[in-house]
Amino acid sequence: AHVNLGIVRQEMGELKLARESYERALQIAPDLADVIYNLASVLEQQGEKEDAERLYVKLLARNPEWEDAWFRLGYLRLQRADHRGAAEAFQACVRKRPNWPEAQLNLGLAFWNINDHESAAKAFESVVEADPTSIDALRGLAALAVEREDLDKALDLQAKLIEAGERTPELFYNTGLLLQKSGQVEDAVRLYQEALAERPNFAEALLNLGHALKAQGNLEEARTCWRQALEQKPELATGYFEQ
């Protein structure tokens, strides 16, 4: 009775009462796996994440095949920056269910944060195989390519992001930087302008647009961009005077 009452209360959003029902049920039968899981999820919703995590660990010690519990445990660990622990939990998820994009994505983030870039890339790639338009996975792969200074791959991935509908000023700006580094100044100018269309006061985009325009011989336009950049962010003066 306590269990059913807890479920109803949880579904109605009455978390405090649901928690009381589950706790009473566990006083009577401490090893009810479903109830431990439900109580952990209520605690998580209430923001009591450490207690929720302890319950997921307890549950998994006896029920190591419980995929959703591994996922929740991994997510909680990721939130508190226990990236190694998160990777372990999400690995358990994908061992049991390889085609689980959310788990693979979080696994990629966990690996990235422990500087295992090769494993991070594999996880992101498995997401893209399942969903070629996954913005998060493409973003992860693009950032990894930038870190490796693999400009061609980074540009290819950033083009895919733009095709997939990602139109953030940061994406246009970062793509512009890559194009400028690879000597494609005209395309870089276009991408900086795209970034500024999305965010007109984007100081770094104005600054680098100025550098690109100067490289094209448009010195007056370049100076206008630099002046606008410095109005937005005076601390960029160092970069300006180095030019």
C-alpha atoms as a PDB file:
ATOM      1  CA  ALA A   1       0.000   0.000   0.000  1.00  0.00           C
ATOM      2  CA  HIS A   2       2.819   2.400   0.877  1.00  0.00           C
ATOM      3  CA  VAL A   3       4.506   1.696  -2.472  1.00  0.00           C
ATOM      4  CA  ASN A   4       1.394   2.374  -4.556  1.00  0.00           C
ATOM      5  CA  LEU A   5       0.629   5.487  -2.558  1.00  0.00           C
ATOM      6  CA  GLY A   6       4.196   6.690  -3.113  1.00  0.00           C
ATOM      7  CA  ILE A   7       3.923   6.169  -6.872  1.00  0.00           C
ATOM      8  CA  VAL A   8       0.627   8.094  -7.055  1.00  0.00           C
ATOM      9  CA  ARG A   9       2.019  10.933  -4.952  1.00  0.00           C
ATOM     10  CA  GLN A  10       5.195  11.083  -7.049  1.00  0.00           C
ATOM     11  CA  GLU A  11       3.177  11.250 -10.275  1.00  0.00           C
ATOM     12  CA  MET A  12       1.131  14.100  -8.782  1.00  0.00           C
ATOM     13  CA  GLY A  13       4.317  15.968  -7.889  1.00  0.00           C
ATOM     14  CA  GLU A  14       3.758  15.581  -4.130  1.00  0.00           C
ATOM     15  CA  LEU A  15       7.405  14.738  -3.536  1.00  0.00           C
ATOM     16  CA  LYS A  16       7.498  15.159   0.243  1.00  0.00           C
ATOM     17  CA  LEU A  17       4.546  12.785   0.716  1.00  0.00           C
ATOM     18  CA  ALA A  18       5.899  10.346  -1.899  1.00  0.00           C
ATOM     19  CA  ARG A  19       9.194  10.239  -0.048  1.00  0.00           C
ATOM     20  CA  GLU A  20       7.423   9.471   3.246  1.00  0.00           C
ATOM     21  CA  SER A  21       5.505   6.603   1.602  1.00  0.00           C
ATOM     22  CA  TYR A  22       8.642   5.068   0.076  1.00  0.00           C
ATOM     23  CA  GLU A  23      10.578   5.417   3.331  1.00  0.00           C
ATOM     24  CA  ARG A  24       7.779   3.622   5.226  1.00  0.00           C
ATOM     25  CA  ALA A  25       7.748   0.854   2.613  1.00  0.00           C
ATOM     26  CA  LEU A  26      11.518   0.399   3.020  1.00  0.00           C
ATOM     27  CA  GLN A  27      11.200   0.224   6.816  1.00  0.00           C
ATOM     28  CA  ILE A  28       9.006  -2.843   6.275  1.00  0.00           C
ATOM     29  CA  ALA A  29      11.066  -4.371   3.415  1.00  0.00           C
ATOM     30  CA  PRO A  30      14.499  -2.675   3.094  1.00  0.00           C
ATOM     31  CA  ASP A  31      15.565  -4.412  -0.139  1.00  0.00           C
ATOM     32  CA  LEU A  32      12.686  -3.536  -2.476  1.00  0.00           C
ATOM     33  CA  ALA A  33      14.662  -2.496  -5.564  1.00  0.00           C
ATOM     34  CA  ASP A  34      11.834  -0.578  -7.284  1.00  0.00           C
ATOM     35  CA  VAL A  35      11.177   1.423  -4.139  1.00  0.00           C
ATOM     36  CA  ILE A  36      14.867   2.251  -3.655  1.00  0.00           C
ATOM     37  CA  TYR A  37      14.976   3.496  -7.262  1.00  0.00           C
ATOM     38  CA  ASN A  38      11.791   5.565  -6.850  1.00  0.00           C
ATOM     39  CA  LEU A  39      13.009   7.060  -3.574  1.00  0.00           C
ATOM     40  CA  ALA A  40      16.345   7.949  -5.194  1.00  0.00           C
ATOM     41  CA  SER A  41      14.545   9.705  -8.048  1.00  0.00           C
ATOM     42  CA  VAL A  42      12.381  11.663  -5.565  1.00  0.00           C
ATOM     43  CA  LEU A  43      15.487  12.719  -3.613  1.00  0.00           C
ATOM     44  CA  GLU A  44      17.097  13.790  -6.885  1.00  0.00           C
ATOM     45  CA  GLN A  45      14.037  15.901  -7.754  1.00  0.00           C
ATOM     46  CA  GLN A  46      14.186  17.460  -4.275  1.00  0.00           C
ATOM     47  CA  GLY A  47      17.816  18.437  -4.851  1.00  0.00           C
ATOM     48  CA  GLU A  48      19.212  15.978  -2.283  1.00  0.00           C
ATOM     49  CA  LYS A  49      21.691  14.645  -4.780  1.00  0.00           C
ATOM     50  CA  GLU A  50      24.227  13.061  -2.420  1.00  0.00           C
ATOM     51  CA  ASP A  51      21.529  10.943  -0.753  1.00  0.00           C
ATOM     52  CA  ALA A  52      20.106  10.028  -4.171  1.00  0.00           C
ATOM     53  CA  GLU A  53      23.557   8.972  -5.379  1.00  0.00           C
ATOM     54  CA  ARG A  54      24.077   6.778  -2.296  1.00  0.00           C
ATOM     55  CA  LEU A  55      20.788   5.011  -2.992  1.00  0.00           C
ATOM     56  CA  TYR A  56      21.653   4.382  -6.661  1.00  0.00           C
ATOM     57  CA  VAL A  57      25.005   2.900  -5.558  1.00  0.00           C
ATOM     58  CA  LYS A  58      23.220   0.678  -3.010  1.00  0.00           C
ATOM     59  CA  LEU A  59      20.692  -0.412  -5.635  1.00  0.00           C
ATOM     60  CA  LEU A  60      23.365  -1.228  -8.237  1.00  0.00           C
ATOM     61  CA  ALA A  61      25.420  -3.257  -5.756  1.00  0.00           C
ATOM     62  CA  ARG A  62      22.565  -5.781  -5.774  1.00  0.00           C
ATOM     63  CA  ASN A  63      21.114  -5.066  -9.227  1.00  0.00           C
ATOM     64  CA  PRO A  64      24.081  -4.355 -11.535  1.00  0.00           C
ATOM     65  CA  GLU A  65      21.920  -4.805 -14.664  1.00  0.00           C
ATOM     66  CA  TRP A  66      19.706  -1.810 -13.882  1.00  0.00           C
ATOM     67  CA  GLU A  67      20.496   0.470 -16.843  1.00  0.00           C
ATOM     68  CA  ASP A  68      18.439   3.489 -15.777  1.00  0.00           C
ATOM     69  CA  ALA A  69      20.044   3.494 -12.331  1.00  0.00           C
ATOM     70  CA  TRP A  70      23.510   3.522 -13.952  1.00  0.00           C
ATOM     71  CA  PHE A  71      22.386   6.453 -16.112  1.00  0.00           C
ATOM     72  CA  ARG A  72      21.079   8.474 -13.154  1.00  0.00           C
ATOM     73  CA  LEU A  73      24.242   7.691 -11.168  1.00  0.00           C
ATOM     74  CA  GLY A  74      26.407   8.806 -14.090  1.00  0.00           C
ATOM     75  CA  TYR A  75      24.411  12.002 -14.485  1.00  0.00           C
ATOM     76  CA  LEU A  76      24.748  12.894 -10.787  1.00  0.00           C
ATOM     77  CA  ARG A  77      28.487  12.215 -10.886  1.00  0.00           C
ATOM     78  CA  LEU A  78      28.854  14.349 -14.016  1.00  0.00           C
ATOM     79  CA  GLN A  79      27.042  17.209 -12.272  1.00  0.00           C
ATOM     80  CA  ARG A  80      29.455  17.170  -9.340  1.00  0.00           C
ATOM     81  CA  ALA A  81      32.481  16.875 -11.656  1.00  0.00           C
ATOM     82  CA  ASP A  82      33.352  13.270 -10.709  1.00  0.00           C
ATOM     83  CA  HIS A  83      34.176  12.649 -14.359  1.00  0.00           C
ATOM     84  CA  ARG A  84      35.981   9.349 -13.831  1.00  0.00           C
ATOM     85  CA  GLY A  85      33.056   7.985 -11.825  1.00  0.00           C
ATOM     86  CA  ALA A  86      30.624   9.294 -14.445  1.00  0.00           C
ATOM     87  CA  ALA A  87      32.577   7.564 -17.230  1.00  0.00           C
ATOM     88  CA  GLU A  88      32.401   4.280 -15.306  1.00  0.00           C
ATOM     89  CA  ALA A  89      28.613   4.603 -14.903  1.00  0.00           C
ATOM     90  CA  PHE A  90      27.929   5.560 -18.527  1.00  0.00           C
ATOM     91  CA  GLN A  91      30.226   2.760 -19.731  1.00  0.00           C
ATOM     92  CA  ALA A  92      27.990   0.360 -17.811  1.00  0.00           C
ATOM     93  CA  CYS A  93      24.996   1.878 -19.655  1.00  0.00           C
ATOM     94  CA  VAL A  94      26.430   1.449 -23.154  1.00  0.00           C
ATOM     95  CA  ARG A  95      27.799  -2.032 -22.445  1.00  0.00           C
ATOM     96  CA  LYS A  96      24.226  -3.119 -21.874  1.00  0.00           C
ATOM     97  CA  ARG A  97      22.671  -0.908 -24.551  1.00  0.00           C
ATOM     98  CA  PRO A  98      25.217   0.359 -27.137  1.00  0.00           C
ATOM     99  CA  ASN A  99      22.626   2.349 -29.129  1.00  0.00           C
ATOM    100  CA  TRP A 100      21.784   4.758 -26.325  1.00  0.00           C
ATOM    101  CA  PRO A 101      22.639   8.247 -27.645  1.00  0.00           C
ATOM    102  CA  GLU A 102      22.108  10.115 -24.346  1.00  0.00           C
ATOM    103  CA  ALA A 103      24.422   7.732 -22.483  1.00  0.00           C
ATOM    104  CA  GLN A 104      27.041   7.852 -25.269  1.00  0.00           C
ATOM    105  CA  LEU A 105      26.900  11.659 -25.295  1.00  0.00           C
ATOM    106  CA  ASN A 106      27.406  11.897 -21.531  1.00  0.00           C
ATOM    107  CA  LEU A 107      30.149   9.267 -21.756  1.00  0.00           C
ATOM    108  CA  GLY A 108      31.889  11.456 -24.339  1.00  0.00           C
ATOM    109  CA  LEU A 109      31.671  14.483 -22.020  1.00  0.00           C
ATOM    110  CA  ALA A 110      33.046  12.470 -19.090  1.00  0.00           C
ATOM    111  CA  PHE A 111      35.982  11.149 -21.153  1.00  0.00           C
ATOM    112  CA  TRP A 112      36.678  14.642 -22.494  1.00  0.00           C
ATOM    113  CA  ASN A 113      36.909  16.003 -18.962  1.00  0.00           C
ATOM    114  CA  ILE A 114      39.506  13.376 -17.994  1.00  0.00           C
ATOM    115  CA  ASN A 115      41.468  14.220 -21.173  1.00  0.00           C
ATOM    116  CA  ASP A 116      40.781  10.858 -22.825  1.00  0.00           C
ATOM    117  CA  HIS A 117      40.045  12.534 -26.144  1.00  0.00           C
ATOM    118  CA  GLU A 118      40.209   9.346 -28.209  1.00  0.00           C
ATOM    119  CA  SER A 119      37.483   7.651 -26.140  1.00  0.00           C
ATOM    120  CA  ALA A 120      35.457  10.884 -26.125  1.00  0.00           C
ATOM    121  CA  ALA A 121      35.588  11.020 -29.940  1.00  0.00           C
ATOM    122  CA  LYS A 122      34.459   7.362 -30.203  1.00  0.00           C
ATOM    123  CA  ALA A 123      31.482   8.068 -27.949  1.00  0.00           C
ATOM    124  CA  PHE A 124      30.470  11.190 -29.909  1.00  0.00           C
ATOM    125  CA  GLU A 125      30.930   9.321 -33.221  1.00  0.00           C
ATOM    126  CA  SER A 126      28.581   6.557 -32.082  1.00  0.00           C
ATOM    127  CA  VAL A 127      25.926   9.227 -31.415  1.00  0.00           C
ATOM    128  CA  VAL A 128      26.426  10.730 -34.886  1.00  0.00           C
ATOM    129  CA  GLU A 129      26.119   7.254 -36.457  1.00  0.00           C
ATOM    130  CA  ALA A 130      22.694   6.909 -34.841  1.00  0.00           C
ATOM    131  CA  ASP A 131      21.702  10.543 -35.465  1.00  0.00           C
ATOM    132  CA  PRO A 132      23.808  12.456 -38.040  1.00  0.00           C
ATOM    133  CA  THR A 133      22.153  15.748 -36.989  1.00  0.00           C
ATOM    134  CA  SER A 134      22.952  15.480 -33.264  1.00  0.00           C
ATOM    135  CA  ILE A 135      24.040  19.046 -32.486  1.00  0.00           C
ATOM    136  CA  ASP A 136      25.671  18.093 -29.169  1.00  0.00           C
ATOM    137  CA  ALA A 137      27.746  15.250 -30.631  1.00  0.00           C
ATOM    138  CA  LEU A 138      28.823  17.295 -33.679  1.00  0.00           C
ATOM    139  CA  ARG A 139      29.732  20.153 -31.346  1.00  0.00           C
ATOM    140  CA  GLY A 140      31.865  17.792 -29.242  1.00  0.00           C
ATOM    141  CA  LEU A 141      33.646  16.347 -32.285  1.00  0.00           C
ATOM    142  CA  ALA A 142      34.247  19.831 -33.714  1.00  0.00           C
ATOM    143  CA  ALA A 143      35.745  21.056 -30.436  1.00  0.00           C
ATOM    144  CA  LEU A 144      37.997  17.977 -30.242  1.00  0.00           C
ATOM    145  CA  ALA A 145      39.159  18.606 -33.817  1.00  0.00           C
ATOM    146  CA  VAL A 146      39.958  22.231 -32.928  1.00  0.00           C
ATOM    147  CA  GLU A 147      41.964  21.085 -29.879  1.00  0.00           C
ATOM    148  CA  ARG A 148      43.939  18.691 -32.115  1.00  0.00           C
ATOM    149  CA  GLU A 149      44.362  21.535 -34.642  1.00  0.00           C
ATOM    150  CA  ASP A 150      42.853  19.292 -37.314  1.00  0.00           C
ATOM    151  CA  LEU A 151      41.503  22.279 -39.251  1.00  0.00           C
ATOM    152  CA  ASP A 152      39.995  20.362 -42.185  1.00  0.00           C
ATOM    153  CA  LYS A 153      38.015  18.050 -39.904  1.00  0.00           C
ATOM    154  CA  ALA A 154      36.949  20.935 -37.651  1.00  0.00           C
ATOM    155  CA  LEU A 155      35.733  22.958 -40.644  1.00  0.00           C
ATOM    156  CA  ASP A 156      33.852  19.960 -42.032  1.00  0.00           C
ATOM    157  CA  LEU A 157      32.136  19.352 -38.678  1.00  0.00           C
ATOM    158  CA  GLN A 158      31.306  23.014 -38.184  1.00  0.00           C
ATOM    159  CA  ALA A 159      29.767  23.105 -41.673  1.00  0.00           C
ATOM    160  CA  LYS A 160      27.621  20.099 -40.649  1.00  0.00           C
ATOM    161  CA  LEU A 161      26.573  21.948 -37.496  1.00  0.00           C
ATOM    162  CA  ILE A 162      25.458  24.955 -39.531  1.00  0.00           C
ATOM    163  CA  GLU A 163      23.582  22.619 -41.927  1.00  0.00           C
ATOM    164  CA  ALA A 164      21.910  20.972 -38.914  1.00  0.00           C
ATOM    165  CA  GLY A 165      20.486  24.352 -37.903  1.00  0.00           C
ATOM    166  CA  GLU A 166      23.024  25.473 -35.318  1.00  0.00           C
ATOM    167  CA  ARG A 167      23.271  29.230 -35.782  1.00  0.00           C
ATOM    168  CA  THR A 168      25.072  30.495 -32.706  1.00  0.00           C
ATOM    169  CA  PRO A 169      27.420  33.479 -32.932  1.00  0.00           C
ATOM    170  CA  GLU A 170      30.126  31.367 -31.234  1.00  0.00           C
ATOM    171  CA  LEU A 171      29.921  28.723 -33.960  1.00  0.00           C
ATOM    172  CA  PHE A 172      30.222  31.294 -36.762  1.00  0.00           C
ATOM    173  CA  TYR A 173      33.077  33.010 -34.912  1.00  0.00           C
ATOM    174  CA  ASN A 174      35.020  29.780 -34.265  1.00  0.00           C
ATOM    175  CA  THR A 175      34.543  28.702 -37.881  1.00  0.00           C
ATOM    176  CA  GLY A 176      35.793  32.123 -38.987  1.00  0.00           C
ATOM    177  CA  LEU A 177      38.916  31.718 -36.840  1.00  0.00           C
ATOM    178  CA  LEU A 178      39.623  28.319 -38.422  1.00  0.00           C
ATOM    179  CA  LEU A 179      39.135  29.691 -41.932  1.00  0.00           C
ATOM    180  CA  GLN A 180      41.441  32.609 -41.173  1.00  0.00           C
ATOM    181  CA  LYS A 181      44.101  30.238 -39.784  1.00  0.00           C
ATOM    182  CA  SER A 182      43.909  28.143 -42.936  1.00  0.00           C
ATOM    183  CA  GLY A 183      44.314  31.237 -45.145  1.00  0.00           C
ATOM    184  CA  GLN A 184      40.685  31.393 -46.358  1.00  0.00           C
ATOM    185  CA  VAL A 185      40.332  35.068 -45.481  1.00  0.00           C
ATOM    186  CA  GLU A 186      37.320  35.865 -47.678  1.00  0.00           C
ATOM    187  CA  ASP A 187      35.286  33.031 -46.124  1.00  0.00           C
ATOM    188  CA  ALA A 188      36.488  34.081 -42.661  1.00  0.00           C
ATOM    189  CA  VAL A 189      35.142  37.604 -43.266  1.00  0.00           C
ATOM    190  CA  ARG A 190      31.757  36.135 -44.231  1.00  0.00           C
ATOM    191  CA  LEU A 191      31.610  33.986 -41.072  1.00  0.00           C
ATOM    192  CA  TYR A 192      32.579  36.869 -38.762  1.00  0.00           C
ATOM    193  CA  GLN A 193      29.824  38.911 -40.393  1.00  0.00           C
ATOM    194  CA  GLU A 194      27.380  36.024 -39.750  1.00  0.00           C
ATOM    195  CA  ALA A 195      28.457  36.018 -36.089  1.00  0.00           C
ATOM    196  CA  LEU A 196      27.873  39.768 -35.882  1.00  0.00           C
ATOM    197  CA  ALA A 197      24.457  39.466 -37.544  1.00  0.00           C
ATOM    198  CA  GLU A 198      23.489  37.179 -34.641  1.00  0.00           C
ATOM    199  CA  ARG A 199      25.236  39.316 -31.983  1.00  0.00           C
ATOM    200  CA  PRO A 200      26.157  42.834 -33.165  1.00  0.00           C
ATOM    201  CA  ASN A 201      28.263  43.665 -30.079  1.00  0.00           C
ATOM    202  CA  PHE A 202      30.456  40.516 -30.300  1.00  0.00           C
ATOM    203  CA  ALA A 203      33.781  42.249 -29.590  1.00  0.00           C
ATOM    204  CA  GLU A 204      36.102  39.343 -30.471  1.00  0.00           C
ATOM    205  CA  ALA A 205      34.322  38.870 -33.811  1.00  0.00           C
ATOM    206  CA  LEU A 206      34.718  42.598 -34.549  1.00  0.00           C
ATOM    207  CA  LEU A 207      38.408  42.443 -33.628  1.00  0.00           C
ATOM    208  CA  ASN A 208      39.144  39.437 -35.853  1.00  0.00           C
ATOM    209  CA  LEU A 209      36.977  40.762 -38.667  1.00  0.00           C
ATOM    210  CA  GLY A 210      39.269  43.796 -38.523  1.00  0.00           C
ATOM    211  CA  HIS A 211      42.351  41.573 -38.831  1.00  0.00           C
ATOM    212  CA  ALA A 212      40.802  39.716 -41.795  1.00  0.00           C
ATOM    213  CA  LEU A 213      39.824  42.972 -43.534  1.00  0.00           C
ATOM    214  CA  LYS A 214      43.340  44.322 -42.995  1.00  0.00           C
ATOM    215  CA  ALA A 215      44.728  41.152 -44.624  1.00  0.00           C
ATOM    216  CA  GLN A 216      42.492  41.931 -47.627  1.00  0.00           C
ATOM    217  CA  GLY A 217      43.885  45.476 -47.772  1.00  0.00           C
ATOM    218  CA  ASN A 218      40.715  47.144 -46.438  1.00  0.00           C
ATOM    219  CA  LEU A 219      42.468  49.171 -43.746  1.00  0.00           C
ATOM    220  CA  GLU A 220      39.744  51.800 -43.182  1.00  0.00           C
ATOM    221  CA  GLU A 221      37.068  49.121 -42.660  1.00  0.00           C
ATOM    222  CA  ALA A 222      39.489  47.239 -40.408  1.00  0.00           C
ATOM    223  CA  ARG A 223      40.025  50.320 -38.226  1.00  0.00           C
ATOM    224  CA  THR A 224      36.264  50.827 -37.929  1.00  0.00           C
ATOM    225  CA  CYS A 225      35.881  47.236 -36.699  1.00  0.00           C
ATOM    226  CA  TRP A 226      38.730  47.619 -34.209  1.00  0.00           C
ATOM    227  CA  ARG A 227      37.255  50.859 -32.869  1.00  0.00           C
ATOM    228  CA  GLN A 228      33.858  49.180 -32.379  1.00  0.00           C
ATOM    229  CA  ALA A 229      35.526  46.180 -30.716  1.00  0.00           C
ATOM    230  CA  LEU A 230      37.356  48.437 -28.257  1.00  0.00           C
ATOM    231  CA  GLU A 231      34.140  50.301 -27.453  1.00  0.00           C
ATOM    232  CA  GLN A 232      32.602  46.956 -26.479  1.00  0.00           C
ATOM    233  CA  LYS A 233      35.664  45.578 -24.661  1.00  0.00           C
ATOM    234  CA  PRO A 234      38.455  48.042 -23.844  1.00  0.00           C
ATOM    235  CA  GLU A 235      40.613  45.160 -22.524  1.00  0.00           C
ATOM    236  CA  LEU A 236      41.038  43.986 -26.129  1.00  0.00           C
ATOM    237  CA  ALA A 237      43.389  46.947 -26.645  1.00  0.00           C
ATOM    238  CA  THR A 238      46.421  44.678 -26.233  1.00  0.00           C
ATOM    239  CA  GLY A 239      45.355  42.567 -29.207  1.00  0.00           C
ATOM    240  CA  TYR A 240      44.590  45.732 -31.178  1.00  0.00           C
ATOM    241  CA  PHE A 241      47.982  47.371 -30.642  1.00  0.00           C
ATOM    242  CA  GLU A 242      49.798  44.155 -31.530  1.00  0.00           C
ATOM    243  CA  GLN A 243      48.462  44.450 -35.080  1.00  0.00           C
END
